[in-house]
């Protein structure tokens, strides 16, 4: 064919599309160190993938996101803006911790209420049997 749209036809699902985009971004970043600064400063691609990390269902996509983050943190010169994705990782981690603490607190509170209701019911049963 004429080369247009041939790659798109092979993409079967959103997960596959995500994987193809992540592989392309990793290749662009590793082709030239300046590519990261140019792309990330304009589009925040890696930052978006890190933000979406908890929602990625395909493990291979999670691995690609982590490989890209690892490359940016270890393979780029210290003068690049590689700290931006690390700030995003920190924020995502802190947000997940807060969410887990909130959910755990709600579950504990609900468990205490259920325990109180059961204890009240047992006391009433004991009182009626006497």
Protein backbone atom coordinates (compact mmCIF):
# COMPACT_ATOMS: atom_id res chain seq x y z
CA UNK A 1 0.00 0.00 0.00
CA UNK A 2 0.85 3.63 0.27
CA UNK A 3 2.03 3.29 3.90
CA UNK A 4 -0.85 5.26 5.41
CA UNK A 5 -2.83 3.62 8.19
CA UNK A 6 -1.13 0.23 7.98
CA UNK A 7 0.05 0.34 11.60
CA UNK A 8 -3.36 1.40 12.88
CA UNK A 9 -5.08 -1.64 11.39
CA UNK A 10 -2.97 -3.97 13.56
CA UNK A 11 -4.01 -2.24 16.83
CA UNK A 12 -6.76 -4.37 18.34
CA UNK A 13 -7.60 -2.74 21.66
CA UNK A 14 -7.03 0.41 23.75
CA UNK A 15 -4.45 -1.58 25.73
CA UNK A 16 -2.56 -2.34 22.50
CA UNK A 17 -2.71 1.31 21.49
CA UNK A 18 -1.38 2.34 24.89
CA UNK A 19 1.45 -0.16 24.54
CA UNK A 20 2.37 1.09 21.04
CA UNK A 21 2.39 4.70 22.24
CA UNK A 22 4.53 3.86 25.25
CA UNK A 23 7.05 1.92 23.13
CA UNK A 24 7.22 4.84 20.69
CA UNK A 25 7.75 7.35 23.50
CA UNK A 26 10.51 5.20 25.04
CA UNK A 27 12.21 4.99 21.63
CA UNK A 28 11.95 8.75 21.13
CA UNK A 29 13.36 9.44 24.57
CA UNK A 30 16.25 7.02 24.08
CA UNK A 31 17.09 8.21 20.53
CA UNK A 32 18.28 11.58 21.76
CA UNK A 33 18.47 13.03 25.27
CA UNK A 34 16.91 16.33 24.17
CA UNK A 35 13.76 14.51 23.00
CA UNK A 36 12.65 13.98 26.57
CA UNK A 37 12.89 17.67 27.43
CA UNK A 38 11.11 18.69 24.23
CA UNK A 39 8.28 16.17 24.44
CA UNK A 40 7.73 16.15 28.19
CA UNK A 41 7.78 19.94 28.54
CA UNK A 42 5.07 20.26 25.87
CA UNK A 43 2.90 17.15 26.33
CA UNK A 44 3.80 15.70 29.78
CA UNK A 45 3.51 12.22 28.27
CA UNK A 46 5.40 10.30 30.93
CA UNK A 47 3.66 12.26 33.66
CA UNK A 48 0.28 11.28 32.20
CA UNK A 49 1.27 7.61 32.07
CA UNK A 50 2.45 7.76 35.66
CA UNK A 51 -0.82 9.37 36.71
CA UNK A 52 -2.71 6.65 34.84
CA UNK A 53 -0.49 3.87 36.23
CA UNK A 54 -3.00 2.63 38.85
CA UNK A 55 -5.65 2.30 36.12
CA UNK A 56 -3.51 0.40 33.61
CA UNK A 57 -4.91 -3.11 33.44
CA UNK A 58 -2.25 -4.71 31.24
CA UNK A 59 0.87 -5.61 33.22
CA UNK A 60 3.08 -5.10 30.15
CA UNK A 61 1.90 -1.48 29.97
CA UNK A 62 2.80 -0.99 33.62
CA UNK A 63 6.23 -2.47 32.94
CA UNK A 64 6.74 -0.11 29.99
CA UNK A 65 5.76 2.89 32.09
CA UNK A 66 8.25 1.84 34.78
CA UNK A 67 10.98 1.16 32.20
CA UNK A 68 10.46 4.61 30.73
CA UNK A 69 10.60 6.18 34.18
CA UNK A 70 13.75 4.20 34.96
CA UNK A 71 15.38 5.33 31.72
CA UNK A 72 14.50 8.96 32.40
CA UNK A 73 15.84 8.78 35.96
CA UNK A 74 19.04 6.85 35.19
CA UNK A 75 19.81 7.34 31.51
CA UNK A 76 19.41 11.06 31.01
CA UNK A 77 21.87 13.79 31.88
CA UNK A 78 21.35 15.51 35.19
CA UNK A 79 20.57 18.77 33.39
CA UNK A 80 17.33 17.44 31.92
CA UNK A 81 13.93 17.99 33.48
CA UNK A 82 13.74 14.37 34.64
CA UNK A 83 12.65 15.48 38.11
CA UNK A 84 9.14 16.31 36.86
CA UNK A 85 8.01 12.67 36.50
CA UNK A 86 9.50 11.91 39.92
CA UNK A 87 7.34 14.65 41.43
CA UNK A 88 4.33 13.02 39.76
CA UNK A 89 5.34 9.60 41.13
CA UNK A 90 5.57 11.12 44.61
CA UNK A 91 2.14 12.73 44.28
CA UNK A 92 0.55 9.51 42.96
CA UNK A 93 2.11 7.50 45.79
CA UNK A 94 0.94 10.00 48.41
CA UNK A 95 -2.56 10.08 46.92
CA UNK A 96 -2.79 6.28 46.87
CA UNK A 97 -1.64 6.10 50.49
CA UNK A 98 -4.23 8.69 51.55
CA UNK A 99 -6.94 6.83 49.65
CA UNK A 100 -6.00 3.49 51.21
CA UNK A 101 -5.94 5.04 54.68
CA UNK A 102 -9.35 6.63 54.10
CA UNK A 103 -10.87 3.36 52.82
CA UNK A 104 -9.34 1.40 55.69
CA UNK A 105 -10.69 3.93 58.18
CA UNK A 106 -14.16 3.70 56.65
CA UNK A 107 -14.03 -0.10 56.73
CA UNK A 108 -12.90 -0.06 60.37
CA UNK A 109 -15.67 2.38 61.27
CA UNK A 110 -18.24 0.23 59.49
CA UNK A 111 -16.87 -2.85 61.27
CA UNK A 112 -17.17 -1.15 64.65
CA UNK A 113 -20.76 -0.14 63.89
CA UNK A 114 -21.60 -3.69 62.82
CA UNK A 115 -19.92 -5.00 65.97
CA UNK A 116 -21.94 -2.61 68.13
CA UNK A 117 -25.16 -3.62 66.37
CA UNK A 118 -24.36 -7.31 66.91
CA UNK A 119 -23.46 -6.68 70.56
CA UNK A 120 -26.72 -4.77 71.09
CA UNK A 121 -28.65 -7.61 69.45
CA UNK A 122 -26.94 -10.20 71.66
CA UNK A 123 -27.74 -8.16 74.77
CA UNK A 124 -31.40 -7.90 73.74
CA UNK A 125 -31.54 -11.65 73.04
CA UNK A 126 -30.04 -12.40 76.47
CA UNK A 127 -32.51 -10.03 78.16
CA UNK A 128 -35.53 -11.61 76.45
CA UNK A 129 -34.43 -15.13 77.40
CA UNK A 130 -34.21 -14.24 81.09
